[in-house]
Amino acid sequence: MVKISVEVSNGAARFRVSVQARSIERALELVERLNPGKGCKVRFPLDAEAFFIDEGVVAEVGTLGKVAA
């Protein structure tokens, strides 16, 4: 498992998300699927100390419940 930071942009608005997945490609795919029509790119340099993570409990997209506001 890897953990990366992805920048999501929509015009002048930008934000970053931290994503855990089995590969960099899969992490980027997940963010793109959750943010259709927005620009998504991996933020470099990657954090070498936090890049590889333990394969403990990791939720897949679609298994997370919505949080009530």
PDB file of N, CA and C in Angstrom:
ATOM      1  N   MET A   1       0.837  -1.171   0.000  1.00  0.00           N
ATOM      2  CA  MET A   1       0.000   0.000   0.000  1.00  0.00           C
ATOM      3  C   MET A   1       0.890   1.246   0.000  1.00  0.00           C
ATOM      4  N   VAL A   2       0.385   2.275  -0.678  1.00  0.00           N
ATOM      5  CA  VAL A   2       1.094   3.547  -0.717  1.00  0.00           C
ATOM      6  C   VAL A   2       0.153   4.657  -0.264  1.00  0.00           C
ATOM      7  N   LYS A   3       0.744   5.754   0.183  1.00  0.00           N
ATOM      8  CA  LYS A   3      -0.024   6.933   0.577  1.00  0.00           C
ATOM      9  C   LYS A   3       0.579   8.124  -0.161  1.00  0.00           C
ATOM     10  N   ILE A   4      -0.275   8.834  -0.930  1.00  0.00           N
ATOM     11  CA  ILE A   4       0.212   9.981  -1.689  1.00  0.00           C
ATOM     12  C   ILE A   4      -0.722  11.174  -1.498  1.00  0.00           C
ATOM     13  N   SER A   5      -0.252  12.336  -1.911  1.00  0.00           N
ATOM     14  CA  SER A   5      -1.048  13.547  -1.890  1.00  0.00           C
ATOM     15  C   SER A   5      -1.434  13.867  -3.330  1.00  0.00           C
ATOM     16  N   VAL A   6      -2.720  14.187  -3.540  1.00  0.00           N
ATOM     17  CA  VAL A   6      -3.222  14.514  -4.866  1.00  0.00           C
ATOM     18  C   VAL A   6      -3.845  15.908  -4.815  1.00  0.00           C
ATOM     19  N   GLU A   7      -3.479  16.749  -5.779  1.00  0.00           N
ATOM     20  CA  GLU A   7      -4.068  18.081  -5.873  1.00  0.00           C
ATOM     21  C   GLU A   7      -5.262  18.020  -6.821  1.00  0.00           C
ATOM     22  N   VAL A   8      -6.402  18.533  -6.364  1.00  0.00           N
ATOM     23  CA  VAL A   8      -7.620  18.587  -7.162  1.00  0.00           C
ATOM     24  C   VAL A   8      -7.884  20.054  -7.476  1.00  0.00           C
ATOM     25  N   SER A   9      -8.134  20.361  -8.748  1.00  0.00           N
ATOM     26  CA  SER A   9      -8.369  21.757  -9.116  1.00  0.00           C
ATOM     27  C   SER A   9      -9.618  21.886  -9.971  1.00  0.00           C
ATOM     28  N   ASN A  10     -10.268  23.030  -9.796  1.00  0.00           N
ATOM     29  CA  ASN A  10     -11.450  23.371 -10.565  1.00  0.00           C
ATOM     30  C   ASN A  10     -11.362  24.881 -10.800  1.00  0.00           C
ATOM     31  N   GLY A  11     -10.759  25.273 -11.912  1.00  0.00           N
ATOM     32  CA  GLY A  11     -10.513  26.690 -12.155  1.00  0.00           C
ATOM     33  C   GLY A  11      -9.445  27.181 -11.186  1.00  0.00           C
ATOM     34  N   ALA A  12      -9.741  28.263 -10.464  1.00  0.00           N
ATOM     35  CA  ALA A  12      -8.787  28.824  -9.509  1.00  0.00           C
ATOM     36  C   ALA A  12      -8.823  28.108  -8.160  1.00  0.00           C
ATOM     37  N   ALA A  13      -9.878  27.342  -7.896  1.00  0.00           N
ATOM     38  CA  ALA A  13     -10.002  26.620  -6.626  1.00  0.00           C
ATOM     39  C   ALA A  13      -9.145  25.355  -6.656  1.00  0.00           C
ATOM     40  N   ARG A  14      -8.359  25.153  -5.587  1.00  0.00           N
ATOM     41  CA  ARG A  14      -7.494  23.976  -5.487  1.00  0.00           C
ATOM     42  C   ARG A  14      -7.510  23.457  -4.057  1.00  0.00           C
ATOM     43  N   PHE A  15      -7.450  22.136  -3.926  1.00  0.00           N
ATOM     44  CA  PHE A  15      -7.276  21.536  -2.614  1.00  0.00           C
ATOM     45  C   PHE A  15      -6.501  20.242  -2.774  1.00  0.00           C
ATOM     46  N   ARG A  16      -5.942  19.761  -1.662  1.00  0.00           N
ATOM     47  CA  ARG A  16      -5.157  18.531  -1.682  1.00  0.00           C
ATOM     48  C   ARG A  16      -5.838  17.481  -0.825  1.00  0.00           C
ATOM     49  N   VAL A  17      -5.731  16.245  -1.263  1.00  0.00           N
ATOM     50  CA  VAL A  17      -6.248  15.115  -0.496  1.00  0.00           C
ATOM     51  C   VAL A  17      -5.147  14.084  -0.337  1.00  0.00           C
ATOM     52  N   SER A  18      -5.177  13.379   0.766  1.00  0.00           N
ATOM     53  CA  SER A  18      -4.252  12.287   1.015  1.00  0.00           C
ATOM     54  C   SER A  18      -4.991  10.997   0.710  1.00  0.00           C
ATOM     55  N   VAL A  19      -4.356  10.114  -0.077  1.00  0.00           N
ATOM     56  CA  VAL A  19      -5.026   8.904  -0.542  1.00  0.00           C
ATOM     57  C   VAL A  19      -4.150   7.687  -0.293  1.00  0.00           C
ATOM     58  N   GLN A  20      -4.788   6.612   0.173  1.00  0.00           N
ATOM     59  CA  GLN A  20      -4.102   5.331   0.342  1.00  0.00           C
ATOM     60  C   GLN A  20      -4.669   4.355  -0.661  1.00  0.00           C
ATOM     61  N   ALA A  21      -3.800   3.643  -1.361  1.00  0.00           N
ATOM     62  CA  ALA A  21      -4.240   2.653  -2.346  1.00  0.00           C
ATOM     63  C   ALA A  21      -3.105   1.659  -2.592  1.00  0.00           C
ATOM     64  N   ARG A  22      -3.381   0.674  -3.430  1.00  0.00           N
ATOM     65  CA  ARG A  22      -2.376  -0.348  -3.732  1.00  0.00           C
ATOM     66  C   ARG A  22      -1.277   0.160  -4.661  1.00  0.00           C
ATOM     67  N   SER A  23      -1.535   1.262  -5.384  1.00  0.00           N
ATOM     68  CA  SER A  23      -0.517   1.837  -6.267  1.00  0.00           C
ATOM     69  C   SER A  23      -0.812   3.320  -6.465  1.00  0.00           C
ATOM     70  N   ILE A  24       0.157   4.047  -6.989  1.00  0.00           N
ATOM     71  CA  ILE A  24      -0.037   5.467  -7.283  1.00  0.00           C
ATOM     72  C   ILE A  24      -1.143   5.617  -8.320  1.00  0.00           C
ATOM     73  N   GLU A  25      -1.130   4.774  -9.337  1.00  0.00           N
ATOM     74  CA  GLU A  25      -2.137   4.837 -10.387  1.00  0.00           C
ATOM     75  C   GLU A  25      -3.539   4.633  -9.822  1.00  0.00           C
ATOM     76  N   ARG A  26      -3.708   3.658  -8.941  1.00  0.00           N
ATOM     77  CA  ARG A  26      -5.017   3.381  -8.339  1.00  0.00           C
ATOM     78  C   ARG A  26      -5.467   4.553  -7.461  1.00  0.00           C
ATOM     79  N   ALA A  27      -4.551   5.151  -6.714  1.00  0.00           N
ATOM     80  CA  ALA A  27      -4.892   6.300  -5.872  1.00  0.00           C
ATOM     81  C   ALA A  27      -5.410   7.457  -6.726  1.00  0.00           C
ATOM     82  N   LEU A  28      -4.737   7.734  -7.829  1.00  0.00           N
ATOM     83  CA  LEU A  28      -5.162   8.808  -8.718  1.00  0.00           C
ATOM     84  C   LEU A  28      -6.526   8.489  -9.343  1.00  0.00           C
ATOM     85  N   GLU A  29      -6.750   7.240  -9.721  1.00  0.00           N
ATOM     86  CA  GLU A  29      -8.046   6.832 -10.281  1.00  0.00           C
ATOM     87  C   GLU A  29      -9.182   7.065  -9.276  1.00  0.00           C
ATOM     88  N   LEU A  30      -8.939   6.753  -8.008  1.00  0.00           N
ATOM     89  CA  LEU A  30      -9.962   6.937  -6.985  1.00  0.00           C
ATOM     90  C   LEU A  30     -10.337   8.413  -6.834  1.00  0.00           C
ATOM     91  N   VAL A  31      -9.331   9.275  -6.790  1.00  0.00           N
ATOM     92  CA  VAL A  31      -9.591  10.709  -6.641  1.00  0.00           C
ATOM     93  C   VAL A  31     -10.320  11.245  -7.864  1.00  0.00           C
ATOM     94  N   GLU A  32      -9.915  10.822  -9.057  1.00  0.00           N
ATOM     95  CA  GLU A  32     -10.582  11.276 -10.281  1.00  0.00           C
ATOM     96  C   GLU A  32     -12.044  10.838 -10.314  1.00  0.00           C
ATOM     97  N   ARG A  33     -12.318   9.624  -9.833  1.00  0.00           N
ATOM     98  CA  ARG A  33     -13.691   9.121  -9.830  1.00  0.00           C
ATOM     99  C   ARG A  33     -14.563   9.914  -8.852  1.00  0.00           C
ATOM    100  N   LEU A  34     -13.988  10.334  -7.728  1.00  0.00           N
ATOM    101  CA  LEU A  34     -14.742  11.101  -6.739  1.00  0.00           C
ATOM    102  C   LEU A  34     -14.854  12.582  -7.094  1.00  0.00           C
ATOM    103  N   ASN A  35     -14.066  13.042  -8.057  1.00  0.00           N
ATOM    104  CA  ASN A  35     -14.056  14.445  -8.464  1.00  0.00           C
ATOM    105  C   ASN A  35     -14.161  14.551  -9.981  1.00  0.00           C
ATOM    106  N   PRO A  36     -15.280  14.093 -10.566  1.00  0.00           N
ATOM    107  CA  PRO A  36     -15.402  14.095 -12.026  1.00  0.00           C
ATOM    108  C   PRO A  36     -15.341  15.509 -12.607  1.00  0.00           C
ATOM    109  N   GLY A  37     -14.637  15.633 -13.722  1.00  0.00           N
ATOM    110  CA  GLY A  37     -14.544  16.918 -14.410  1.00  0.00           C
ATOM    111  C   GLY A  37     -13.540  17.882 -13.806  1.00  0.00           C
ATOM    112  N   LYS A  38     -12.850  17.464 -12.757  1.00  0.00           N
ATOM    113  CA  LYS A  38     -11.859  18.337 -12.119  1.00  0.00           C
ATOM    114  C   LYS A  38     -10.459  17.822 -12.441  1.00  0.00           C
ATOM    115  N   GLY A  39      -9.492  18.716 -12.432  1.00  0.00           N
ATOM    116  CA  GLY A  39      -8.108  18.319 -12.681  1.00  0.00           C
ATOM    117  C   GLY A  39      -7.529  17.645 -11.450  1.00  0.00           C
ATOM    118  N   CYS A  40      -6.897  16.500 -11.609  1.00  0.00           N
ATOM    119  CA  CYS A  40      -6.292  15.758 -10.502  1.00  0.00           C
ATOM    120  C   CYS A  40      -4.866  15.393 -10.883  1.00  0.00           C
ATOM    121  N   LYS A  41      -3.918  15.732 -10.008  1.00  0.00           N
ATOM    122  CA  LYS A  41      -2.527  15.361 -10.287  1.00  0.00           C
ATOM    123  C   LYS A  41      -1.806  15.013  -8.996  1.00  0.00           C
ATOM    124  N   VAL A  42      -0.875  14.079  -9.112  1.00  0.00           N
ATOM    125  CA  VAL A  42      -0.067  13.645  -7.978  1.00  0.00           C
ATOM    126  C   VAL A  42       0.867  14.781  -7.605  1.00  0.00           C
ATOM    127  N   ARG A  43       0.978  15.055  -6.304  1.00  0.00           N
ATOM    128  CA  ARG A  43       1.877  16.103  -5.811  1.00  0.00           C
ATOM    129  C   ARG A  43       3.256  15.493  -5.565  1.00  0.00           C
ATOM    130  N   PHE A  44       4.248  16.094  -6.160  1.00  0.00           N
ATOM    131  CA  PHE A  44       5.634  15.670  -5.970  1.00  0.00           C
ATOM    132  C   PHE A  44       6.373  16.762  -5.236  1.00  0.00           C
ATOM    133  N   PRO A  45       7.405  16.487  -4.503  1.00  0.00           N
ATOM    134  CA  PRO A  45       7.984  15.153  -4.285  1.00  0.00           C
ATOM    135  C   PRO A  45       7.135  14.340  -3.322  1.00  0.00           C
ATOM    136  N   LEU A  46       7.188  13.029  -3.480  1.00  0.00           N
ATOM    137  CA  LEU A  46       6.486  12.127  -2.581  1.00  0.00           C
ATOM    138  C   LEU A  46       7.191  12.116  -1.233  1.00  0.00           C
ATOM    139  N   ASP A  47       6.439  11.968  -0.166  1.00  0.00           N
ATOM    140  CA  ASP A  47       6.999  11.894   1.182  1.00  0.00           C
ATOM    141  C   ASP A  47       7.556  10.487   1.391  1.00  0.00           C
ATOM    142  N   ALA A  48       8.872  10.360   1.329  1.00  0.00           N
ATOM    143  CA  ALA A  48       9.519   9.047   1.395  1.00  0.00           C
ATOM    144  C   ALA A  48       9.200   8.300   2.693  1.00  0.00           C
ATOM    145  N   GLU A  49       9.072   9.026   3.809  1.00  0.00           N
ATOM    146  CA  GLU A  49       8.814   8.373   5.094  1.00  0.00           C
ATOM    147  C   GLU A  49       7.376   7.867   5.210  1.00  0.00           C
ATOM    148  N   ALA A  50       6.436   8.506   4.529  1.00  0.00           N
ATOM    149  CA  ALA A  50       5.025   8.120   4.642  1.00  0.00           C
ATOM    150  C   ALA A  50       4.512   7.398   3.399  1.00  0.00           C
ATOM    151  N   PHE A  51       5.366   7.163   2.402  1.00  0.00           N
ATOM    152  CA  PHE A  51       4.924   6.595   1.133  1.00  0.00           C
ATOM    153  C   PHE A  51       4.380   5.181   1.283  1.00  0.00           C
ATOM    154  N   PHE A  52       5.154   4.271   1.872  1.00  0.00           N
ATOM    155  CA  PHE A  52       4.698   2.896   2.057  1.00  0.00           C
ATOM    156  C   PHE A  52       3.999   2.783   3.401  1.00  0.00           C
ATOM    157  N   ILE A  53       2.805   2.169   3.405  1.00  0.00           N
ATOM    158  CA  ILE A  53       2.052   2.023   4.644  1.00  0.00           C
ATOM    159  C   ILE A  53       1.688   0.561   4.856  1.00  0.00           C
ATOM    160  N   ASP A  54       1.355   0.237   6.095  1.00  0.00           N
ATOM    161  CA  ASP A  54       0.943  -1.119   6.450  1.00  0.00           C
ATOM    162  C   ASP A  54      -0.414  -1.403   5.824  1.00  0.00           C
ATOM    163  N   GLU A  55      -0.632  -2.629   5.405  1.00  0.00           N
ATOM    164  CA  GLU A  55      -1.899  -3.007   4.781  1.00  0.00           C
ATOM    165  C   GLU A  55      -2.944  -3.376   5.819  1.00  0.00           C
ATOM    166  N   GLY A  56      -2.999  -2.643   6.933  1.00  0.00           N
ATOM    167  CA  GLY A  56      -4.006  -2.883   7.962  1.00  0.00           C
ATOM    168  C   GLY A  56      -5.397  -2.642   7.405  1.00  0.00           C
ATOM    169  N   VAL A  57      -6.229  -2.024   8.144  1.00  0.00           N
ATOM    170  CA  VAL A  57      -7.600  -1.768   7.724  1.00  0.00           C
ATOM    171  C   VAL A  57      -7.630  -0.550   6.814  1.00  0.00           C
ATOM    172  N   VAL A  58      -8.033  -0.766   5.558  1.00  0.00           N
ATOM    173  CA  VAL A  58      -8.144   0.306   4.579  1.00  0.00           C
ATOM    174  C   VAL A  58      -9.523   0.208   3.951  1.00  0.00           C
ATOM    175  N   ALA A  59     -10.267   1.296   3.946  1.00  0.00           N
ATOM    176  CA  ALA A  59     -11.612   1.304   3.346  1.00  0.00           C
ATOM    177  C   ALA A  59     -11.511   1.576   1.864  1.00  0.00           C
ATOM    178  N   GLU A  60     -12.289   0.879   1.083  1.00  0.00           N
ATOM    179  CA  GLU A  60     -12.384   1.120  -0.350  1.00  0.00           C
ATOM    180  C   GLU A  60     -13.463   2.163  -0.591  1.00  0.00           C
ATOM    181  N   VAL A  61     -13.364   2.859  -1.708  1.00  0.00           N
ATOM    182  CA  VAL A  61     -14.402   3.811  -2.068  1.00  0.00           C
ATOM    183  C   VAL A  61     -15.711   3.039  -2.209  1.00  0.00           C
ATOM    184  N   GLY A  62     -16.760   3.584  -1.670  1.00  0.00           N
ATOM    185  CA  GLY A  62     -18.053   2.917  -1.715  1.00  0.00           C
ATOM    186  C   GLY A  62     -18.385   2.207  -0.420  1.00  0.00           C
ATOM    187  N   THR A  63     -17.382   1.965   0.436  1.00  0.00           N
ATOM    188  CA  THR A  63     -17.656   1.307   1.707  1.00  0.00           C
ATOM    189  C   THR A  63     -17.778   2.317   2.830  1.00  0.00           C
ATOM    190  N   LEU A  64     -17.446   3.573   2.563  1.00  0.00           N
ATOM    191  CA  LEU A  64     -17.541   4.595   3.585  1.00  0.00           C
ATOM    192  C   LEU A  64     -18.957   5.144   3.645  1.00  0.00           C
ATOM    193  N   GLY A  65     -19.508   5.263   4.827  1.00  0.00           N
ATOM    194  CA  GLY A  65     -20.839   5.833   4.983  1.00  0.00           C
ATOM    195  C   GLY A  65     -20.763   7.350   4.979  1.00  0.00           C
ATOM    196  N   LYS A  66     -21.873   8.004   4.684  1.00  0.00           N
ATOM    197  CA  LYS A  66     -21.910   9.463   4.709  1.00  0.00           C
ATOM    198  C   LYS A  66     -21.989   9.929   6.145  1.00  0.00           C
ATOM    199  N   VAL A  67     -21.297  11.003   6.427  1.00  0.00           N
ATOM    200  CA  VAL A  67     -21.297  11.574   7.771  1.00  0.00           C
ATOM    201  C   VAL A  67     -22.397  12.629   7.828  1.00  0.00           C
ATOM    202  N   ALA A  68     -23.227  12.554   8.833  1.00  0.00           N
ATOM    203  CA  ALA A  68     -24.309  13.532   8.984  1.00  0.00           C
ATOM    204  C   ALA A  68     -23.721  14.864   9.398  1.00  0.00           C
ATOM    205  N   ALA A  69     -24.210  15.935   8.795  1.00  0.00           N
ATOM    206  CA  ALA A  69     -23.707  17.277   9.111  1.00  0.00           C
ATOM    207  C   ALA A  69     -24.422  17.851  10.309  1.00  0.00           C
TER     208      ALA A  69
END
